[in-house]
Amino acid sequence: MIGRRRFLGLLAGASVASLAGPRAFAIGPRGRFRIARALYQGGNSEPHPDALRRLAWEIILRTSVDADYDFPAVRLDDPALFATPLVYLSGDRGFNPWSEAEVANFRRYLTLGGLALVDDAAGRPASDFNLSIRREAARLFPNAPLARLPDEHSIFRSYYLLRRVGGRVLVSPYLEGVQLPAHSPILYCRNDLGGAWARDALGRWSADCVPGGESQRQAAFQLGVNVALYALTLDYKQDQVHLPFIRERLR
């Protein structure tokens, strides 16, 4: 089985070859792991502008992955979506239905190995963002609905062995996702991960994490790191690229 990084590189070379070579599209410039930010119409696609920068810093600090500090904002119908293995889709409000072109392009990206981390930043059980995401997820994969991921899912052990899902709040104690035969292309957290990651202009945490405090924030960062490793390995039990490093960290 080829790794997700290599596969997206090959795919990107075919779909947007006029922009850069295959390897650049797989992991960004100079071989760095790049996270894209999904743009959509309506709502608020960037509730925590500093969140991804802080996550990238933690990925570099905690792992062997060299993360990029550039987070391109990409429309879901843009071929440039295939330039990165991971897309962060966040919001705290409802948003407009996606166009057919957006749904088709995003489905292709996800089906062929891309990963979307969806983060509900609203911080409440009944949010309009949640309703919008479930509507669009049903359009993307009508036969594979969003559902609770099992505790043995690879996302919970791709780097850290996770037993809890953190975030700024604890709306949901579990992670949801769409599961396809080869991988889970959508991971969905209701707990506002970005709110736990973000700092203000003075370097202070932008928000308290309630009710669990700093341990809850650390759980949010650990999940973010696991998502990055999962994005790079498809299934870390089968893709051997990072397995020795993961074993060493688990020890």
C-alpha atoms as a PDB file:
ATOM      1  CA  MET A   1       0.000   0.000   0.000  1.00  0.00           C
ATOM      2  CA  ILE A   2       1.453   3.381  -0.902  1.00  0.00           C
ATOM      3  CA  GLY A   3       1.448   6.075   1.771  1.00  0.00           C
ATOM      4  CA  ARG A   4      -0.953   8.980   1.662  1.00  0.00           C
ATOM      5  CA  ARG A   5       1.908  11.459   1.198  1.00  0.00           C
ATOM      6  CA  ARG A   6       3.190   9.684  -1.941  1.00  0.00           C
ATOM      7  CA  PHE A   7      -0.290   9.145  -3.358  1.00  0.00           C
ATOM      8  CA  LEU A   8      -1.360  12.758  -3.008  1.00  0.00           C
ATOM      9  CA  GLY A   9       1.915  13.772  -4.611  1.00  0.00           C
ATOM     10  CA  LEU A  10       1.201  11.645  -7.662  1.00  0.00           C
ATOM     11  CA  LEU A  11      -2.366  12.881  -7.835  1.00  0.00           C
ATOM     12  CA  ALA A  12      -1.364  16.499  -7.507  1.00  0.00           C
ATOM     13  CA  GLY A  13       1.240  16.133 -10.231  1.00  0.00           C
ATOM     14  CA  ALA A  14      -1.484  14.991 -12.605  1.00  0.00           C
ATOM     15  CA  SER A  15      -4.132  17.547 -11.631  1.00  0.00           C
ATOM     16  CA  VAL A  16      -2.096  20.730 -11.128  1.00  0.00           C
ATOM     17  CA  ALA A  17       1.226  20.050 -12.780  1.00  0.00           C
ATOM     18  CA  SER A  18       1.471  23.612 -14.004  1.00  0.00           C
ATOM     19  CA  LEU A  19       1.989  24.844 -10.437  1.00  0.00           C
ATOM     20  CA  ALA A  20       4.706  22.555  -9.053  1.00  0.00           C
ATOM     21  CA  GLY A  21       6.076  19.026  -9.033  1.00  0.00           C
ATOM     22  CA  PRO A  22       4.353  16.056  -7.412  1.00  0.00           C
ATOM     23  CA  ARG A  23       6.410  16.017  -4.233  1.00  0.00           C
ATOM     24  CA  ALA A  24       5.784  19.704  -3.568  1.00  0.00           C
ATOM     25  CA  PHE A  25       2.081  19.092  -3.726  1.00  0.00           C
ATOM     26  CA  ALA A  26       2.338  16.179  -1.330  1.00  0.00           C
ATOM     27  CA  ILE A  27       3.847  17.977   1.647  1.00  0.00           C
ATOM     28  CA  GLY A  28       4.447  21.608   0.738  1.00  0.00           C
ATOM     29  CA  PRO A  29       7.639  23.555  -0.061  1.00  0.00           C
ATOM     30  CA  ARG A  30      11.025  22.269   1.146  1.00  0.00           C
ATOM     31  CA  GLY A  31       9.419  18.985   2.145  1.00  0.00           C
ATOM     32  CA  ARG A  32       7.392  20.477   4.987  1.00  0.00           C
ATOM     33  CA  PHE A  33       4.048  19.162   6.144  1.00  0.00           C
ATOM     34  CA  ARG A  34       1.439  21.765   5.222  1.00  0.00           C
ATOM     35  CA  ILE A  35      -2.112  22.136   6.535  1.00  0.00           C
ATOM     36  CA  ALA A  36      -4.627  23.950   4.336  1.00  0.00           C
ATOM     37  CA  ARG A  37      -7.594  25.897   5.689  1.00  0.00           C
ATOM     38  CA  ALA A  38     -10.912  25.248   3.946  1.00  0.00           C
ATOM     39  CA  LEU A  39     -12.802  28.265   2.583  1.00  0.00           C
ATOM     40  CA  TYR A  40     -16.581  28.159   2.224  1.00  0.00           C
ATOM     41  CA  GLN A  41     -19.382  30.641   1.625  1.00  0.00           C
ATOM     42  CA  GLY A  42     -21.299  32.044   4.579  1.00  0.00           C
ATOM     43  CA  GLY A  43     -20.523  31.406   8.216  1.00  0.00           C
ATOM     44  CA  ASN A  44     -17.050  31.975   9.635  1.00  0.00           C
ATOM     45  CA  SER A  45     -14.254  29.780   8.298  1.00  0.00           C
ATOM     46  CA  GLU A  46     -11.544  31.168  10.606  1.00  0.00           C
ATOM     47  CA  PRO A  47     -12.853  31.594  14.163  1.00  0.00           C
ATOM     48  CA  HIS A  48      -9.343  31.274  15.657  1.00  0.00           C
ATOM     49  CA  PRO A  49      -6.766  32.792  13.243  1.00  0.00           C
ATOM     50  CA  ASP A  50      -3.726  31.753  15.321  1.00  0.00           C
ATOM     51  CA  ALA A  51      -4.800  28.177  16.045  1.00  0.00           C
ATOM     52  CA  LEU A  52      -3.002  26.369  13.215  1.00  0.00           C
ATOM     53  CA  ARG A  53       0.260  28.228  13.801  1.00  0.00           C
ATOM     54  CA  ARG A  54       0.316  27.051  17.379  1.00  0.00           C
ATOM     55  CA  LEU A  55      -0.547  23.490  16.347  1.00  0.00           C
ATOM     56  CA  ALA A  56       2.257  23.488  13.762  1.00  0.00           C
ATOM     57  CA  TRP A  57       4.705  24.609  16.440  1.00  0.00           C
ATOM     58  CA  GLU A  58       3.605  21.750  18.689  1.00  0.00           C
ATOM     59  CA  ILE A  59       3.912  19.222  15.840  1.00  0.00           C
ATOM     60  CA  ILE A  60       7.514  20.323  15.270  1.00  0.00           C
ATOM     61  CA  LEU A  61       8.264  20.295  18.998  1.00  0.00           C
ATOM     62  CA  ARG A  62       6.787  16.874  19.705  1.00  0.00           C
ATOM     63  CA  THR A  63       7.544  14.834  16.542  1.00  0.00           C
ATOM     64  CA  SER A  64       9.984  14.413  13.668  1.00  0.00           C
ATOM     65  CA  VAL A  65       7.553  16.124  11.280  1.00  0.00           C
ATOM     66  CA  ASP A  66       8.742  19.475   9.901  1.00  0.00           C
ATOM     67  CA  ALA A  67       5.487  21.428   9.720  1.00  0.00           C
ATOM     68  CA  ASP A  68       5.039  24.528   7.582  1.00  0.00           C
ATOM     69  CA  TYR A  69       3.847  27.831   9.066  1.00  0.00           C
ATOM     70  CA  ASP A  70       1.996  28.732   5.876  1.00  0.00           C
ATOM     71  CA  PHE A  71      -1.673  27.704   5.907  1.00  0.00           C
ATOM     72  CA  PRO A  72      -3.191  28.439   2.506  1.00  0.00           C
ATOM     73  CA  ALA A  73      -6.903  29.161   2.405  1.00  0.00           C
ATOM     74  CA  VAL A  74      -8.323  26.900  -0.310  1.00  0.00           C
ATOM     75  CA  ARG A  75     -11.815  26.687  -1.803  1.00  0.00           C
ATOM     76  CA  LEU A  76     -13.289  23.214  -1.853  1.00  0.00           C
ATOM     77  CA  ASP A  77     -13.632  23.302  -5.652  1.00  0.00           C
ATOM     78  CA  ASP A  78     -10.007  24.368  -6.195  1.00  0.00           C
ATOM     79  CA  PRO A  79      -7.519  21.775  -7.594  1.00  0.00           C
ATOM     80  CA  ALA A  80      -4.965  23.268  -5.180  1.00  0.00           C
ATOM     81  CA  LEU A  81      -6.784  21.284  -2.491  1.00  0.00           C
ATOM     82  CA  PHE A  82      -4.677  18.313  -3.595  1.00  0.00           C
ATOM     83  CA  ALA A  83      -1.510  20.134  -2.557  1.00  0.00           C
ATOM     84  CA  THR A  84      -1.800  19.014   1.050  1.00  0.00           C
ATOM     85  CA  PRO A  85      -2.650  15.788   2.880  1.00  0.00           C
ATOM     86  CA  LEU A  86      -4.671  17.633   5.551  1.00  0.00           C
ATOM     87  CA  VAL A  87      -7.434  20.252   5.344  1.00  0.00           C
ATOM     88  CA  TYR A  88      -8.712  21.995   8.472  1.00  0.00           C
ATOM     89  CA  LEU A  89     -12.388  22.953   8.214  1.00  0.00           C
ATOM     90  CA  SER A  90     -13.574  25.013  11.150  1.00  0.00           C
ATOM     91  CA  GLY A  91     -16.412  27.370  12.010  1.00  0.00           C
ATOM     92  CA  ASP A  92     -18.777  28.630  14.674  1.00  0.00           C
ATOM     93  CA  ARG A  93     -21.833  29.438  12.527  1.00  0.00           C
ATOM     94  CA  GLY A  94     -24.013  27.790   9.939  1.00  0.00           C
ATOM     95  CA  PHE A  95     -22.925  28.160   6.316  1.00  0.00           C
ATOM     96  CA  ASN A  96     -24.346  27.984   2.803  1.00  0.00           C
ATOM     97  CA  PRO A  97     -24.779  24.622   1.031  1.00  0.00           C
ATOM     98  CA  TRP A  98     -21.750  23.769  -1.060  1.00  0.00           C
ATOM     99  CA  SER A  99     -22.008  23.875  -4.824  1.00  0.00           C
ATOM    100  CA  GLU A 100     -22.018  20.656  -6.825  1.00  0.00           C
ATOM    101  CA  ALA A 101     -18.493  21.490  -7.999  1.00  0.00           C
ATOM    102  CA  GLU A 102     -17.325  21.872  -4.401  1.00  0.00           C
ATOM    103  CA  VAL A 103     -18.900  18.599  -3.338  1.00  0.00           C
ATOM    104  CA  ALA A 104     -17.463  16.707  -6.313  1.00  0.00           C
ATOM    105  CA  ASN A 105     -13.925  18.053  -5.907  1.00  0.00           C
ATOM    106  CA  PHE A 106     -13.887  17.627  -2.142  1.00  0.00           C
ATOM    107  CA  ARG A 107     -15.260  14.065  -2.422  1.00  0.00           C
ATOM    108  CA  ARG A 108     -12.533  13.177  -4.915  1.00  0.00           C
ATOM    109  CA  TYR A 109      -9.863  14.609  -2.631  1.00  0.00           C
ATOM    110  CA  LEU A 110     -11.175  12.670   0.358  1.00  0.00           C
ATOM    111  CA  THR A 111     -11.783   9.426  -1.503  1.00  0.00           C
ATOM    112  CA  LEU A 112      -8.284   9.394  -2.977  1.00  0.00           C
ATOM    113  CA  GLY A 113      -6.501   9.786   0.342  1.00  0.00           C
ATOM    114  CA  GLY A 114      -6.993  13.338   1.599  1.00  0.00           C
ATOM    115  CA  LEU A 115      -8.012  14.020   5.171  1.00  0.00           C
ATOM    116  CA  ALA A 116     -10.336  16.694   6.586  1.00  0.00           C
ATOM    117  CA  LEU A 117     -10.279  17.655  10.255  1.00  0.00           C
ATOM    118  CA  VAL A 118     -13.622  19.322  10.977  1.00  0.00           C
ATOM    119  CA  ASP A 119     -13.715  21.446  14.127  1.00  0.00           C
ATOM    120  CA  ASP A 120     -16.939  22.875  15.535  1.00  0.00           C
ATOM    121  CA  ALA A 121     -15.866  26.075  17.297  1.00  0.00           C
ATOM    122  CA  ALA A 122     -19.348  27.081  18.454  1.00  0.00           C
ATOM    123  CA  GLY A 123     -18.894  25.465  21.850  1.00  0.00           C
ATOM    124  CA  ARG A 124     -22.458  24.299  22.372  1.00  0.00           C
ATOM    125  CA  PRO A 125     -24.368  21.055  21.734  1.00  0.00           C
ATOM    126  CA  ALA A 126     -26.912  22.534  19.318  1.00  0.00           C
ATOM    127  CA  SER A 127     -24.915  24.624  16.857  1.00  0.00           C
ATOM    128  CA  ASP A 128     -25.774  25.765  13.350  1.00  0.00           C
ATOM    129  CA  PHE A 129     -22.275  24.766  12.243  1.00  0.00           C
ATOM    130  CA  ASN A 130     -22.980  21.195  13.351  1.00  0.00           C
ATOM    131  CA  LEU A 131     -26.198  21.137  11.322  1.00  0.00           C
ATOM    132  CA  SER A 132     -24.387  22.483   8.248  1.00  0.00           C
ATOM    133  CA  ILE A 133     -21.548  19.967   8.520  1.00  0.00           C
ATOM    134  CA  ARG A 134     -23.900  17.004   8.865  1.00  0.00           C
ATOM    135  CA  ARG A 135     -25.865  18.205   5.847  1.00  0.00           C
ATOM    136  CA  GLU A 136     -22.753  18.433   3.677  1.00  0.00           C
ATOM    137  CA  ALA A 137     -21.204  15.195   4.989  1.00  0.00           C
ATOM    138  CA  ALA A 138     -24.376  13.388   3.914  1.00  0.00           C
ATOM    139  CA  ARG A 139     -23.949  14.833   0.431  1.00  0.00           C
ATOM    140  CA  LEU A 140     -20.283  13.812   0.285  1.00  0.00           C
ATOM    141  CA  PHE A 141     -20.780  10.237   1.490  1.00  0.00           C
ATOM    142  CA  PRO A 142     -24.470   9.309   1.556  1.00  0.00           C
ATOM    143  CA  ASN A 143     -23.618   5.667   2.297  1.00  0.00           C
ATOM    144  CA  ALA A 144     -21.087   6.398   5.042  1.00  0.00           C
ATOM    145  CA  PRO A 145     -22.644   8.765   7.583  1.00  0.00           C
ATOM    146  CA  LEU A 146     -20.801  10.624  10.302  1.00  0.00           C
ATOM    147  CA  ALA A 147     -20.729   8.386  13.356  1.00  0.00           C
ATOM    148  CA  ARG A 148     -18.765   7.837  16.544  1.00  0.00           C
ATOM    149  CA  LEU A 149     -15.317   6.380  15.853  1.00  0.00           C
ATOM    150  CA  PRO A 150     -14.501   3.182  17.755  1.00  0.00           C
ATOM    151  CA  ASP A 151     -11.953   3.363  20.561  1.00  0.00           C
ATOM    152  CA  GLU A 152      -9.594   1.101  18.579  1.00  0.00           C
ATOM    153  CA  HIS A 153      -9.469   3.472  15.603  1.00  0.00           C
ATOM    154  CA  SER A 154      -5.931   4.337  14.455  1.00  0.00           C
ATOM    155  CA  ILE A 155      -6.457   8.040  15.138  1.00  0.00           C
ATOM    156  CA  PHE A 156      -6.279   7.299  18.854  1.00  0.00           C
ATOM    157  CA  ARG A 157      -2.820   5.716  18.631  1.00  0.00           C
ATOM    158  CA  SER A 158      -1.104   7.158  15.553  1.00  0.00           C
ATOM    159  CA  TYR A 159       1.311   8.956  17.923  1.00  0.00           C
ATOM    160  CA  TYR A 160      -0.143   9.389  21.401  1.00  0.00           C
ATOM    161  CA  LEU A 161      -2.304   6.750  23.009  1.00  0.00           C
ATOM    162  CA  LEU A 162      -5.443   8.825  23.526  1.00  0.00           C
ATOM    163  CA  ARG A 163      -8.170   8.032  26.005  1.00  0.00           C
ATOM    164  CA  ARG A 164      -9.986  11.357  25.874  1.00  0.00           C
ATOM    165  CA  VAL A 165     -10.909  14.053  23.358  1.00  0.00           C
ATOM    166  CA  GLY A 166      -9.888  17.545  24.463  1.00  0.00           C
ATOM    167  CA  GLY A 167     -10.770  21.025  23.277  1.00  0.00           C
ATOM    168  CA  ARG A 168     -11.790  24.426  24.623  1.00  0.00           C
ATOM    169  CA  VAL A 169     -15.044  22.851  25.816  1.00  0.00           C
ATOM    170  CA  LEU A 170     -16.352  19.313  26.218  1.00  0.00           C
ATOM    171  CA  VAL A 171     -19.450  19.234  24.050  1.00  0.00           C
ATOM    172  CA  SER A 172     -18.779  15.625  23.091  1.00  0.00           C
ATOM    173  CA  PRO A 173     -16.589  13.021  24.850  1.00  0.00           C
ATOM    174  CA  TYR A 174     -15.944  11.178  21.583  1.00  0.00           C
ATOM    175  CA  LEU A 175     -14.686  11.814  18.062  1.00  0.00           C
ATOM    176  CA  GLU A 176     -16.875  11.279  15.019  1.00  0.00           C
ATOM    177  CA  GLY A 177     -15.867  10.446  11.480  1.00  0.00           C
ATOM    178  CA  VAL A 178     -16.693   8.987   8.114  1.00  0.00           C
ATOM    179  CA  GLN A 179     -15.215   5.531   7.633  1.00  0.00           C
ATOM    180  CA  LEU A 180     -14.361   4.154   4.206  1.00  0.00           C
ATOM    181  CA  PRO A 181     -12.748   0.750   3.611  1.00  0.00           C
ATOM    182  CA  ALA A 182      -9.207   2.137   3.356  1.00  0.00           C
ATOM    183  CA  HIS A 183      -9.308   5.080   5.757  1.00  0.00           C
ATOM    184  CA  SER A 184     -11.421   7.678   7.537  1.00  0.00           C
ATOM    185  CA  PRO A 185     -11.365  10.789   5.321  1.00  0.00           C
ATOM    186  CA  ILE A 186     -13.337  13.021   7.724  1.00  0.00           C
ATOM    187  CA  LEU A 187     -12.604  13.416  11.436  1.00  0.00           C
ATOM    188  CA  TYR A 188     -15.081  15.570  13.344  1.00  0.00           C
ATOM    189  CA  CYS A 189     -14.578  17.133  16.776  1.00  0.00           C
ATOM    190  CA  ARG A 190     -17.351  19.113  18.531  1.00  0.00           C
ATOM    191  CA  ASN A 191     -15.067  20.539  21.259  1.00  0.00           C
ATOM    192  CA  ASP A 192     -13.439  23.564  19.549  1.00  0.00           C
ATOM    193  CA  LEU A 193      -9.885  22.301  19.200  1.00  0.00           C
ATOM    194  CA  GLY A 194      -8.773  25.610  17.685  1.00  0.00           C
ATOM    195  CA  GLY A 195      -9.995  27.474  20.743  1.00  0.00           C
ATOM    196  CA  ALA A 196      -7.710  25.322  22.903  1.00  0.00           C
ATOM    197  CA  TRP A 197      -4.729  25.769  20.538  1.00  0.00           C
ATOM    198  CA  ALA A 198      -4.903  29.528  19.948  1.00  0.00           C
ATOM    199  CA  ARG A 199      -2.874  32.261  21.668  1.00  0.00           C
ATOM    200  CA  ASP A 200      -3.487  36.012  21.609  1.00  0.00           C
ATOM    201  CA  ALA A 201      -1.116  38.737  20.353  1.00  0.00           C
ATOM    202  CA  LEU A 202       0.730  38.746  23.694  1.00  0.00           C
ATOM    203  CA  GLY A 203       1.315  34.983  23.620  1.00  0.00           C
ATOM    204  CA  ARG A 204      -1.308  34.141  26.221  1.00  0.00           C
ATOM    205  CA  TRP A 205      -3.875  31.423  25.720  1.00  0.00           C
ATOM    206  CA  SER A 206      -6.877  32.954  23.993  1.00  0.00           C
ATOM    207  CA  ALA A 207      -9.397  31.001  26.070  1.00  0.00           C
ATOM    208  CA  ASP A 208      -9.653  28.867  29.167  1.00  0.00           C
ATOM    209  CA  CYS A 209     -10.455  25.203  28.704  1.00  0.00           C
ATOM    210  CA  VAL A 210     -13.519  24.179  30.673  1.00  0.00           C
ATOM    211  CA  PRO A 211     -14.186  22.201  32.721  1.00  0.00           C
ATOM    212  CA  GLY A 212     -10.870  20.327  32.609  1.00  0.00           C
ATOM    213  CA  GLY A 213      -8.292  23.131  32.476  1.00  0.00           C
ATOM    214  CA  GLU A 214      -4.787  22.608  31.114  1.00  0.00           C
ATOM    215  CA  SER A 215      -5.005  18.819  30.938  1.00  0.00           C
ATOM    216  CA  GLN A 216      -7.926  19.315  28.564  1.00  0.00           C
ATOM    217  CA  ARG A 217      -5.791  21.676  26.447  1.00  0.00           C
ATOM    218  CA  GLN A 218      -2.991  19.127  26.308  1.00  0.00           C
ATOM    219  CA  ALA A 219      -5.464  16.484  25.156  1.00  0.00           C
ATOM    220  CA  ALA A 220      -6.469  18.863  22.350  1.00  0.00           C
ATOM    221  CA  PHE A 221      -2.850  19.242  21.232  1.00  0.00           C
ATOM    222  CA  GLN A 222      -2.288  15.499  21.429  1.00  0.00           C
ATOM    223  CA  LEU A 223      -5.269  14.915  19.175  1.00  0.00           C
ATOM    224  CA  GLY A 224      -3.953  17.519  16.723  1.00  0.00           C
ATOM    225  CA  VAL A 225      -0.580  15.762  16.599  1.00  0.00           C
ATOM    226  CA  ASN A 226      -2.277  12.401  16.074  1.00  0.00           C
ATOM    227  CA  VAL A 227      -4.312  13.858  13.196  1.00  0.00           C
ATOM    228  CA  ALA A 228      -1.107  15.093  11.530  1.00  0.00           C
ATOM    229  CA  LEU A 229       0.524  11.662  11.798  1.00  0.00           C
ATOM    230  CA  TYR A 230      -2.636   9.955  10.585  1.00  0.00           C
ATOM    231  CA  ALA A 231      -2.728  12.318   7.595  1.00  0.00           C
ATOM    232  CA  LEU A 232       0.800  11.275   6.654  1.00  0.00           C
ATOM    233  CA  THR A 233       0.429   7.524   7.054  1.00  0.00           C
ATOM    234  CA  LEU A 234      -3.092   6.537   5.916  1.00  0.00           C
ATOM    235  CA  ASP A 235      -3.058   3.683   8.413  1.00  0.00           C
ATOM    236  CA  TYR A 236       0.036   3.627  10.563  1.00  0.00           C
ATOM    237  CA  LYS A 237      -0.236  -0.121  11.131  1.00  0.00           C
ATOM    238  CA  GLN A 238       0.119  -0.776   7.395  1.00  0.00           C
ATOM    239  CA  ASP A 239       2.262   2.144   6.174  1.00  0.00           C
ATOM    240  CA  GLN A 240       5.817   1.666   7.481  1.00  0.00           C
ATOM    241  CA  VAL A 241       7.124   5.200   6.909  1.00  0.00           C
ATOM    242  CA  HIS A 242       6.766   6.419  10.506  1.00  0.00           C
ATOM    243  CA  LEU A 243       6.370   3.142  12.357  1.00  0.00           C
ATOM    244  CA  PRO A 244       9.871   2.962  13.943  1.00  0.00           C
ATOM    245  CA  PHE A 245       9.570   6.549  15.174  1.00  0.00           C
ATOM    246  CA  ILE A 246       6.056   5.947  16.504  1.00  0.00           C
ATOM    247  CA  ARG A 247       7.238   2.849  18.362  1.00  0.00           C
ATOM    248  CA  GLU A 248      10.076   4.789  19.938  1.00  0.00           C
ATOM    249  CA  ARG A 249       7.703   7.553  21.072  1.00  0.00           C
ATOM    250  CA  LEU A 250       5.203   5.055  22.457  1.00  0.00           C
ATOM    251  CA  ARG A 251       7.969   3.560  24.614  1.00  0.00           C
END
